[in-house]
Amino acid sequence: MQTIKVTNPFDGSLVQEIPMNTTTDVDAALDKAHGLFSDQDQWLAAHKKVEILEKLIEIMNGQVEELTLLAASEGGKPYADSKVEVLRAINGVKLGAEHISELKGKEIPMGLTPSSENRLAFTIREPIGVVASVSAFNHPLNLIVHQTVPAIAAGCPVIIKPATSTPLSCLKFIELLKQAGLPEGWCQALIVNNDDASRFIQDDRVNFFSFIGSGKVGWWLNSKLSPGTRSALEHGGAAPVIVAADANIETMIDSLVKGGFYHAGQVCVSVQRIYVHESICEKVANLIADKAKQLIVGDQMDKNTEVGPLIQHGEVNRIEEWVNEARDSGAQILCGGQRISDSCYEPTVILNPPEDVNVSQLEIFGPVVCVYSYQTLDEAIARANGLPLAFQAAVFTENLNTSLETIKKLNATAVMVNDHTAFRVDWMPFGGRDASGIGMGGIQYSMEEMTRIKMMVIKSPVL
């Protein structure tokens, strides 16, 4: 039997060794999920789904510390931030329960033409079918909630493949779902290699594909879906921030530092490219660097740690190469720029790296923030829009017209005003556009995506 060793990203110590699923397990999971959906007598009543999710909330509230330690140990996110993630996950379950009542259709007017007289028409929403979800490592519990709870709430059997580096929170969550009363087969996990994952995603019994991860993998898998399978893809970004000359610098710095170095920058909407008006650029860049130097880097299990390890040692090597490339190309390293260990890299601020180096062109996904000087707002917006990635963005200004113009012109799915790009609450729409993905996440938005409309038209002479 093949196994996976789940290790602590900081020191490589073994957290747990778990068995991998086989091709036979994949077929069995698909058979079970498809069988449940095909037999409407086995569908869960709305009140039963609410009851299960409310019981799950109760169970999770009693295990916050255990869930926090598990997520932090496998994912590397600092303890304090992992606890926030667990509380968000619990709230995500709550949102799923609350929005079951919002899955509803509407009346479609008839009698507007002679041919539509004597008819009553309305829509209902039905579950779309089997959901196949592939998740990422950086939020090992909350992402699982976002990719399973909407499916369960919508009435869809869901099969989820967690990241092989962080599968334990997923397995624990499914265990808690069963404790809460979810019948067997409605939420299944597959710990499989990439070949088996690709195989189950392409199966024609899958009706909806949910993916969080790299664009290269997501777009490739999306191209292999069976005809008719709908999808939602959430890929990375290279989040731009525009800082106007009139921005409130005092209130801005802490926000940008948090948005840039939270979870060591391993967030798809992490602050990466900060375009600052030339009149204040060096001042802002140095203030960010001063704050970044004060961040406590190290073991994520230490409650004082603010920046933890990168998920794999190879990521430290990559970040080191990219920063060295920027330095060698003439960029100024204001702080950081060195590896601390095989698992940790210094929080790094780079001033004016060239536009053609990796840190300017690609998602860094590490503790590195780049600051660029600009002269005009149009120039800043054009540079911010210069990559095919488009996710969340931000603008800092005290001028309403500047903020409105920037919101209008930035290519982004969300623009924060006087806040960092990584802001998110779980009831808002969340997702990328262009190369950064398709479809929108957020609990209730995913629930709608995982349903489909059915029309009823009743003809009667008394109507």
Protein backbone atom coordinates (compact mmCIF):
# COMPACT_ATOMS: atom_id res chain seq x y z
CA MET A 1 0.00 0.00 0.00
CA GLN A 2 1.35 3.41 -0.95
CA THR A 3 1.41 6.07 1.75
CA ILE A 4 1.99 9.80 2.06
CA LYS A 5 4.11 11.26 4.82
CA VAL A 6 2.66 14.58 5.91
CA THR A 7 5.46 16.68 7.36
CA ASN A 8 5.77 19.95 9.23
CA PRO A 9 6.97 22.55 6.68
CA PHE A 10 9.17 24.28 9.26
CA ASP A 11 11.36 21.42 10.47
CA GLY A 12 10.36 18.47 8.29
CA SER A 13 9.18 16.42 11.27
CA LEU A 14 6.54 13.78 10.58
CA VAL A 15 3.00 14.88 11.41
CA GLN A 16 1.26 11.73 10.21
CA GLU A 17 1.60 9.01 7.59
CA ILE A 18 -1.60 8.12 5.75
CA PRO A 19 -2.50 5.63 3.02
CA MET A 20 -3.10 6.75 -0.54
CA ASN A 21 -6.23 5.75 -2.40
CA THR A 22 -6.05 3.41 -5.36
CA THR A 23 -7.64 3.46 -8.80
CA THR A 24 -10.22 1.02 -7.42
CA ASP A 25 -11.04 3.53 -4.66
CA VAL A 26 -11.54 6.24 -7.26
CA ASP A 27 -14.03 4.12 -9.19
CA ALA A 28 -15.85 3.18 -5.98
CA ALA A 29 -16.13 6.83 -4.93
CA LEU A 30 -17.56 7.83 -8.31
CA ASP A 31 -20.00 4.90 -8.26
CA LYS A 32 -21.19 5.85 -4.79
CA ALA A 33 -21.60 9.56 -5.56
CA HIS A 34 -23.28 8.95 -8.91
CA GLY A 35 -25.60 6.37 -7.36
CA LEU A 36 -26.70 8.81 -4.66
CA PHE A 37 -27.45 11.54 -7.14
CA SER A 38 -29.23 9.23 -9.58
CA ASP A 39 -31.67 8.01 -6.92
CA GLN A 40 -33.77 10.99 -5.86
CA ASP A 41 -35.22 8.96 -3.00
CA GLN A 42 -31.79 9.30 -1.35
CA TRP A 43 -31.57 13.08 -1.73
CA LEU A 44 -31.34 14.98 1.54
CA ALA A 45 -34.29 17.15 2.49
CA ALA A 46 -33.50 20.82 3.03
CA HIS A 47 -34.30 20.64 6.75
CA LYS A 48 -32.00 17.62 7.10
CA LYS A 49 -29.11 19.48 5.47
CA VAL A 50 -29.65 22.42 7.82
CA GLU A 51 -29.73 20.06 10.78
CA ILE A 52 -26.44 18.39 9.75
CA LEU A 53 -24.61 21.65 9.14
CA GLU A 54 -25.84 23.16 12.41
CA LYS A 55 -24.65 20.07 14.27
CA LEU A 56 -21.30 20.35 12.48
CA ILE A 57 -20.93 23.94 13.70
CA GLU A 58 -21.51 22.75 17.25
CA ILE A 59 -18.89 20.02 16.91
CA MET A 60 -16.30 22.31 15.33
CA ASN A 61 -16.81 24.99 17.99
CA GLY A 62 -15.82 22.38 20.55
CA GLN A 63 -12.60 21.51 18.70
CA VAL A 64 -11.17 24.90 17.67
CA GLU A 65 -7.81 24.30 19.35
CA GLU A 66 -7.39 20.81 17.89
CA LEU A 67 -8.31 21.99 14.39
CA THR A 68 -5.95 24.97 14.71
CA LEU A 69 -2.98 22.84 15.70
CA LEU A 70 -3.67 20.36 12.91
CA ALA A 71 -3.96 23.02 10.20
CA ALA A 72 -0.87 24.87 11.41
CA SER A 73 1.27 21.75 11.74
CA GLU A 74 0.64 20.55 8.19
CA GLY A 75 0.26 23.88 6.38
CA GLY A 76 2.86 26.12 7.99
CA LYS A 77 0.55 29.06 8.60
CA PRO A 78 1.33 30.69 11.97
CA TYR A 79 -0.76 29.54 14.91
CA ALA A 80 -2.66 32.82 15.34
CA ASP A 81 -3.59 32.97 11.65
CA SER A 82 -4.53 29.28 11.64
CA LYS A 83 -6.95 29.91 14.49
CA VAL A 84 -8.55 32.68 12.44
CA GLU A 85 -8.82 30.22 9.56
CA VAL A 86 -10.64 27.69 11.75
CA LEU A 87 -13.11 30.33 12.95
CA ARG A 88 -13.68 31.37 9.33
CA ALA A 89 -14.29 27.74 8.39
CA ILE A 90 -16.94 27.45 11.09
CA ASN A 91 -18.59 30.61 9.79
CA GLY A 92 -18.46 29.15 6.28
CA VAL A 93 -20.48 26.16 7.45
CA LYS A 94 -22.94 28.59 9.07
CA LEU A 95 -23.29 30.49 5.79
CA GLY A 96 -24.03 27.25 3.98
CA ALA A 97 -26.81 26.37 6.40
CA GLU A 98 -28.29 29.86 6.25
CA HIS A 99 -28.37 30.04 2.45
CA ILE A 100 -30.13 26.75 1.81
CA SER A 101 -33.40 28.71 2.02
CA GLU A 102 -32.12 31.06 -0.69
CA LEU A 103 -31.89 28.33 -3.34
CA LYS A 104 -35.13 29.17 -5.07
CA GLY A 105 -36.60 29.97 -8.44
CA LYS A 106 -39.02 32.65 -9.59
CA GLU A 107 -42.17 33.13 -11.59
CA ILE A 108 -41.73 33.71 -15.33
CA PRO A 109 -44.52 35.92 -16.71
CA MET A 110 -46.86 34.42 -19.29
CA GLY A 111 -49.70 35.96 -21.29
CA LEU A 112 -47.43 38.61 -22.76
CA THR A 113 -48.25 37.30 -26.23
CA PRO A 114 -51.36 35.49 -27.49
CA SER A 115 -49.37 32.27 -27.83
CA SER A 116 -48.40 32.31 -24.13
CA GLU A 117 -51.91 32.72 -22.71
CA ASN A 118 -53.43 30.23 -20.28
CA ARG A 119 -50.09 29.31 -18.78
CA LEU A 120 -48.37 29.57 -15.40
CA ALA A 121 -44.58 29.29 -15.41
CA PHE A 122 -41.89 29.30 -12.81
CA THR A 123 -38.37 28.01 -12.23
CA ILE A 124 -36.90 25.82 -9.54
CA ARG A 125 -33.26 25.14 -8.71
CA GLU A 126 -31.97 21.59 -8.67
CA PRO A 127 -28.57 20.23 -7.64
CA ILE A 128 -26.27 20.00 -10.63
CA GLY A 129 -24.95 16.53 -9.81
CA VAL A 130 -21.67 15.05 -8.67
CA VAL A 131 -19.06 17.68 -7.73
CA ALA A 132 -15.34 16.94 -8.07
CA SER A 133 -13.13 19.33 -6.11
CA VAL A 134 -9.36 19.77 -6.15
CA SER A 135 -7.98 21.92 -3.35
CA ALA A 136 -4.78 23.80 -2.46
CA PHE A 137 -2.45 23.69 0.53
CA ASN A 138 -2.49 27.26 1.78
CA HIS A 139 -5.80 27.16 3.72
CA PRO A 140 -6.08 23.44 4.50
CA LEU A 141 -9.39 23.66 6.35
CA ASN A 142 -11.17 26.73 5.02
CA LEU A 143 -10.67 25.84 1.36
CA ILE A 144 -12.11 22.38 2.04
CA VAL A 145 -15.17 24.04 3.57
CA HIS A 146 -15.53 26.28 0.51
CA GLN A 147 -15.35 23.30 -1.85
CA THR A 148 -17.58 20.85 0.04
CA VAL A 149 -20.18 22.74 2.10
CA PRO A 150 -21.74 24.55 -0.90
CA ALA A 151 -22.10 21.19 -2.66
CA ILE A 152 -23.71 19.55 0.38
CA ALA A 153 -25.99 22.55 0.90
CA ALA A 154 -27.00 22.49 -2.76
CA GLY A 155 -27.70 18.75 -2.59
CA CYS A 156 -24.71 17.50 -4.57
CA PRO A 157 -22.53 14.53 -3.62
CA VAL A 158 -18.95 15.83 -3.53
CA ILE A 159 -15.58 14.12 -3.94
CA ILE A 160 -12.59 16.21 -2.90
CA LYS A 161 -8.88 15.79 -3.49
CA PRO A 162 -6.94 17.85 -0.93
CA ALA A 163 -3.37 18.93 -1.56
CA THR A 164 -1.11 15.98 -0.81
CA SER A 165 1.02 18.22 1.43
CA THR A 166 -2.00 19.14 3.61
CA PRO A 167 -4.62 16.36 3.57
CA LEU A 168 -5.16 15.95 7.31
CA SER A 169 -7.53 18.89 7.89
CA CYS A 170 -9.67 17.62 5.01
CA LEU A 171 -9.87 14.10 6.42
CA LYS A 172 -10.68 15.48 9.86
CA PHE A 173 -13.43 17.69 8.44
CA ILE A 174 -15.09 14.77 6.66
CA GLU A 175 -14.91 12.77 9.88
CA LEU A 176 -16.72 15.61 11.67
CA LEU A 177 -19.33 15.77 8.89
CA LYS A 178 -20.13 12.12 9.47
CA GLN A 179 -20.34 12.73 13.22
CA ALA A 180 -22.84 15.49 12.45
CA GLY A 181 -25.03 12.99 10.61
CA LEU A 182 -24.07 13.31 6.94
CA PRO A 183 -24.87 9.94 5.34
CA GLU A 184 -22.08 7.90 3.77
CA GLY A 185 -21.04 8.93 0.28
CA TRP A 186 -22.21 12.55 0.29
CA CYS A 187 -18.69 13.85 0.99
CA GLN A 188 -15.69 11.69 0.14
CA ALA A 189 -11.96 12.44 0.07
CA LEU A 190 -9.47 10.91 -2.34
CA ILE A 191 -5.77 11.00 -1.47
CA VAL A 192 -4.43 10.24 -4.94
CA ASN A 193 -1.58 11.03 -7.29
CA ASN A 194 -2.02 13.46 -10.17
CA ASP A 195 -2.83 10.73 -12.70
CA ASP A 196 -5.70 9.34 -10.64
CA ALA A 197 -6.91 12.86 -9.85
CA SER A 198 -7.01 13.69 -13.55
CA ARG A 199 -8.84 10.44 -14.21
CA PHE A 200 -11.69 11.04 -11.78
CA ILE A 201 -12.11 14.67 -12.83
CA GLN A 202 -12.53 13.66 -16.48
CA ASP A 203 -15.15 11.02 -15.70
CA ASP A 204 -18.50 11.67 -17.40
CA ARG A 205 -20.30 11.10 -14.09
CA VAL A 206 -18.86 14.40 -12.82
CA ASN A 207 -21.19 17.36 -13.37
CA PHE A 208 -19.19 20.16 -11.75
CA PHE A 209 -15.45 20.69 -11.30
CA SER A 210 -14.11 23.00 -8.58
CA PHE A 211 -10.38 23.78 -8.64
CA ILE A 212 -8.11 25.93 -6.47
CA GLY A 213 -4.45 25.95 -7.46
CA SER A 214 -2.01 26.92 -10.19
CA GLY A 215 -3.29 28.20 -13.51
CA LYS A 216 -1.15 25.77 -15.48
CA VAL A 217 -2.77 22.76 -13.80
CA GLY A 218 -6.27 24.23 -13.60
CA TRP A 219 -6.57 25.18 -17.26
CA TRP A 220 -5.14 21.82 -18.33
CA LEU A 221 -7.63 19.89 -16.21
CA ASN A 222 -10.46 22.13 -17.39
CA SER A 223 -9.61 21.25 -21.00
CA LYS A 224 -10.06 17.55 -20.20
CA LEU A 225 -13.56 17.75 -18.71
CA SER A 226 -16.36 15.69 -20.17
CA PRO A 227 -18.84 17.57 -22.37
CA GLY A 228 -21.36 19.44 -20.23
CA THR A 229 -19.28 19.51 -17.06
CA ARG A 230 -19.34 23.01 -15.60
CA SER A 231 -16.36 24.39 -13.70
CA ALA A 232 -15.08 27.05 -11.35
CA LEU A 233 -11.32 27.68 -11.36
CA GLU A 234 -9.51 29.81 -8.80
CA HIS A 235 -5.91 30.48 -9.77
CA GLY A 236 -3.23 32.86 -8.62
CA GLY A 237 -2.75 36.56 -9.07
CA ALA A 238 -0.04 39.20 -8.74
CA ALA A 239 -2.13 41.66 -6.80
CA PRO A 240 -1.48 45.32 -7.68
CA VAL A 241 -1.89 48.22 -5.29
CA ILE A 242 -1.94 51.85 -6.41
CA VAL A 243 -0.92 54.46 -3.84
CA ALA A 244 -1.89 58.01 -4.77
CA ALA A 245 0.11 61.03 -3.66
CA ASP A 246 -2.62 62.00 -1.19
CA ALA A 247 -2.82 58.57 0.50
CA ASN A 248 -2.87 58.44 4.29
CA ILE A 249 0.56 56.91 4.82
CA GLU A 250 0.22 56.48 8.58
CA THR A 251 -2.79 54.16 8.33
CA MET A 252 -1.64 52.40 5.17
CA ILE A 253 1.68 50.77 6.08
CA ASP A 254 0.42 48.17 8.55
CA SER A 255 -2.26 47.12 6.09
CA LEU A 256 0.20 46.64 3.24
CA VAL A 257 2.64 44.71 5.42
CA LYS A 258 -0.12 42.39 6.61
CA GLY A 259 -1.41 41.89 3.07
CA GLY A 260 2.06 41.22 1.71
CA PHE A 261 3.51 38.90 4.33
CA TYR A 262 0.46 37.05 5.71
CA HIS A 263 1.18 33.30 5.45
CA ALA A 264 4.60 34.17 4.03
CA GLY A 265 2.91 35.59 0.93
CA GLN A 266 1.42 32.20 0.02
CA VAL A 267 -2.00 33.65 -0.78
CA CYS A 268 -3.50 34.09 -4.24
CA VAL A 269 -4.38 37.74 -3.54
CA SER A 270 -1.29 38.61 -1.50
CA VAL A 271 -0.02 42.19 -1.97
CA GLN A 272 2.75 41.86 -4.55
CA ARG A 273 3.08 44.97 -6.78
CA ILE A 274 2.74 48.37 -5.09
CA TYR A 275 2.73 51.36 -7.46
CA VAL A 276 3.44 54.52 -5.45
CA HIS A 277 3.41 58.09 -6.73
CA GLU A 278 6.96 59.32 -7.26
CA SER A 279 6.56 62.11 -4.68
CA ILE A 280 6.24 59.62 -1.82
CA CYS A 281 7.58 56.38 -3.31
CA GLU A 282 10.87 56.07 -1.44
CA LYS A 283 9.26 57.13 1.84
CA VAL A 284 6.51 54.51 1.54
CA ALA A 285 8.90 51.79 0.41
CA ASN A 286 11.24 52.41 3.36
CA LEU A 287 8.38 52.46 5.86
CA ILE A 288 7.16 49.11 4.54
CA ALA A 289 10.70 47.75 4.80
CA ASP A 290 11.06 49.06 8.37
CA LYS A 291 7.88 47.20 9.40
CA ALA A 292 8.87 44.06 7.50
CA LYS A 293 12.20 43.93 9.38
CA GLN A 294 10.28 43.72 12.65
CA LEU A 295 8.20 40.67 11.68
CA ILE A 296 8.94 37.52 13.68
CA VAL A 297 9.81 34.67 11.33
CA GLY A 298 10.04 31.04 12.35
CA ASP A 299 8.17 28.03 13.71
CA GLN A 300 4.48 28.41 12.93
CA MET A 301 3.57 26.57 16.14
CA ASP A 302 5.13 29.37 18.21
CA LYS A 303 2.28 31.72 19.11
CA ASN A 304 4.56 34.75 18.59
CA THR A 305 5.45 33.87 14.99
CA GLU A 306 4.08 36.25 12.36
CA VAL A 307 5.66 34.76 9.22
CA GLY A 308 6.03 31.02 8.98
CA PRO A 309 7.80 28.68 6.58
CA LEU A 310 7.19 28.15 2.90
CA ILE A 311 5.35 24.94 2.14
CA GLN A 312 8.37 23.20 0.56
CA HIS A 313 12.12 23.70 0.63
CA GLY A 314 12.13 24.07 -3.15
CA GLU A 315 10.03 27.20 -2.79
CA VAL A 316 12.78 28.84 -0.73
CA ASN A 317 15.22 28.07 -3.53
CA ARG A 318 12.87 29.59 -6.12
CA ILE A 319 12.28 32.76 -4.12
CA GLU A 320 16.03 33.13 -3.60
CA GLU A 321 16.64 32.84 -7.35
CA TRP A 322 13.95 35.39 -8.21
CA VAL A 323 15.17 37.95 -5.69
CA ASN A 324 18.77 37.51 -6.83
CA GLU A 325 17.64 38.02 -10.43
CA ALA A 326 15.96 41.30 -9.47
CA ARG A 327 19.03 42.43 -7.52
CA ASP A 328 21.38 41.57 -10.38
CA SER A 329 19.11 43.50 -12.76
CA GLY A 330 19.46 46.72 -10.78
CA ALA A 331 16.64 46.57 -8.23
CA GLN A 332 17.28 47.86 -4.72
CA ILE A 333 16.68 45.37 -1.88
CA LEU A 334 15.44 47.50 1.01
CA CYS A 335 15.19 44.62 3.47
CA GLY A 336 15.48 40.85 3.48
CA GLY A 337 16.81 39.22 0.37
CA GLN A 338 18.30 36.22 2.14
CA ARG A 339 17.19 32.74 3.11
CA ILE A 340 16.95 32.12 6.83
CA SER A 341 16.92 28.34 6.53
CA ASP A 342 15.80 25.62 4.17
CA SER A 343 12.18 26.44 5.06
CA CYS A 344 12.09 30.18 5.81
CA TYR A 345 12.94 33.28 3.76
CA GLU A 346 13.35 36.81 5.08
CA PRO A 347 10.44 39.21 4.48
CA THR A 348 11.76 41.15 1.52
CA VAL A 349 10.94 44.56 0.02
CA ILE A 350 12.29 45.36 -3.46
CA LEU A 351 12.30 48.88 -4.88
CA ASN A 352 11.82 49.38 -8.62
CA PRO A 353 12.66 45.96 -10.03
CA PRO A 354 12.68 45.90 -13.85
CA GLU A 355 9.37 45.04 -15.49
CA ASP A 356 10.79 41.96 -17.23
CA VAL A 357 12.09 40.01 -14.21
CA ASN A 358 10.18 37.21 -12.52
CA VAL A 359 9.10 39.17 -9.45
CA SER A 360 7.40 41.68 -11.77
CA GLN A 361 5.93 39.18 -14.23
CA LEU A 362 4.78 36.18 -12.19
CA GLU A 363 2.96 35.40 -8.97
CA ILE A 364 5.68 35.35 -6.31
CA PHE A 365 3.79 33.27 -3.70
CA GLY A 366 6.41 34.07 -1.12
CA PRO A 367 7.33 36.79 1.39
CA VAL A 368 8.36 39.37 -1.20
CA VAL A 369 6.77 42.74 -1.97
CA CYS A 370 7.79 44.99 -4.87
CA VAL A 371 7.40 48.79 -4.85
CA TYR A 372 7.43 50.79 -8.10
CA SER A 373 7.47 54.53 -8.71
CA TYR A 374 4.96 56.10 -11.11
CA GLN A 375 4.20 59.60 -12.39
CA THR A 376 0.55 59.60 -13.51
CA LEU A 377 -2.51 57.60 -12.47
CA ASP A 378 -3.06 56.39 -16.03
CA GLU A 379 0.50 55.05 -16.08
CA ALA A 380 0.00 53.22 -12.78
CA ILE A 381 -3.27 51.66 -13.94
CA ALA A 382 -1.73 50.57 -17.24
CA ARG A 383 1.19 48.91 -15.45
CA ALA A 384 -1.14 47.30 -12.91
CA ASN A 385 -3.19 45.89 -15.80
CA GLY A 386 -0.07 44.77 -17.66
CA LEU A 387 -0.21 41.09 -16.70
CA PRO A 388 -2.74 38.46 -17.83
CA LEU A 389 -3.50 37.76 -14.16
CA ALA A 390 -6.54 39.57 -12.75
CA PHE A 391 -7.87 38.96 -9.27
CA GLN A 392 -8.13 41.44 -6.39
CA ALA A 393 -6.51 44.89 -6.42
CA ALA A 394 -6.41 47.98 -4.23
CA VAL A 395 -6.05 51.75 -4.26
CA PHE A 396 -5.05 54.05 -1.41
CA THR A 397 -6.28 57.63 -1.76
CA GLU A 398 -8.24 60.31 0.10
CA ASN A 399 -9.87 61.47 -3.15
CA LEU A 400 -13.24 59.97 -4.10
CA ASN A 401 -12.80 60.62 -7.82
CA THR A 402 -9.38 58.96 -7.82
CA SER A 403 -10.78 55.89 -6.13
CA LEU A 404 -13.76 55.69 -8.49
CA GLU A 405 -11.61 56.13 -11.59
CA THR A 406 -9.20 53.44 -10.39
CA ILE A 407 -12.03 51.04 -9.56
CA LYS A 408 -13.47 51.59 -13.03
CA LYS A 409 -10.22 51.11 -14.94
CA LEU A 410 -8.45 48.34 -13.03
CA ASN A 411 -8.90 44.86 -14.48
CA ALA A 412 -9.89 43.02 -11.31
CA THR A 413 -12.79 41.12 -9.80
CA ALA A 414 -12.60 43.24 -6.64
CA VAL A 415 -10.94 46.57 -5.84
CA MET A 416 -10.32 47.53 -2.22
CA VAL A 417 -10.19 51.21 -1.32
CA ASN A 418 -7.77 52.02 1.50
CA ASP A 419 -7.34 48.34 2.34
CA HIS A 420 -4.97 45.60 1.22
CA THR A 421 -5.69 43.20 -1.63
CA ALA A 422 -5.95 40.11 0.58
CA PHE A 423 -9.11 41.28 2.35
CA ARG A 424 -11.87 38.69 2.17
CA VAL A 425 -14.99 37.66 4.03
CA ASP A 426 -16.57 34.37 3.10
CA TRP A 427 -19.96 35.72 2.05
CA MET A 428 -18.56 37.98 -0.67
CA PRO A 429 -17.97 36.88 -4.28
CA PHE A 430 -14.36 35.84 -4.70
CA GLY A 431 -12.49 34.64 -7.76
CA GLY A 432 -10.19 35.52 -10.62
CA ARG A 433 -10.78 36.52 -14.20
CA ASP A 434 -8.73 36.11 -17.38
CA ALA A 435 -5.77 33.81 -16.59
CA SER A 436 -6.67 33.91 -12.90
CA GLY A 437 -9.76 31.75 -13.28
CA ILE A 438 -13.45 31.51 -14.06
CA GLY A 439 -16.52 31.44 -11.86
CA MET A 440 -16.98 33.01 -8.44
CA GLY A 441 -16.42 31.53 -5.03
CA GLY A 442 -17.95 32.57 -1.74
CA ILE A 443 -20.29 30.13 -0.02
CA GLN A 444 -23.63 31.27 -1.44
CA TYR A 445 -22.16 32.03 -4.88
CA SER A 446 -20.72 28.53 -5.11
CA MET A 447 -24.07 27.10 -4.02
CA GLU A 448 -25.76 28.81 -6.96
CA GLU A 449 -23.05 27.59 -9.34
CA MET A 450 -23.67 24.04 -8.13
CA THR A 451 -27.36 24.18 -9.02
CA ARG A 452 -29.18 24.38 -12.35
CA ILE A 453 -32.53 25.82 -13.36
CA LYS A 454 -35.54 23.77 -14.34
CA MET A 455 -38.61 25.42 -15.87
CA MET A 456 -42.20 24.39 -15.20
CA VAL A 457 -44.92 25.59 -17.58
CA ILE A 458 -48.47 24.61 -16.69
CA LYS A 459 -51.19 25.08 -19.29
CA SER A 460 -54.80 25.30 -18.21
CA PRO A 461 -57.95 26.92 -19.65
CA VAL A 462 -58.71 28.46 -16.23
CA LEU A 463 -55.50 30.46 -16.18
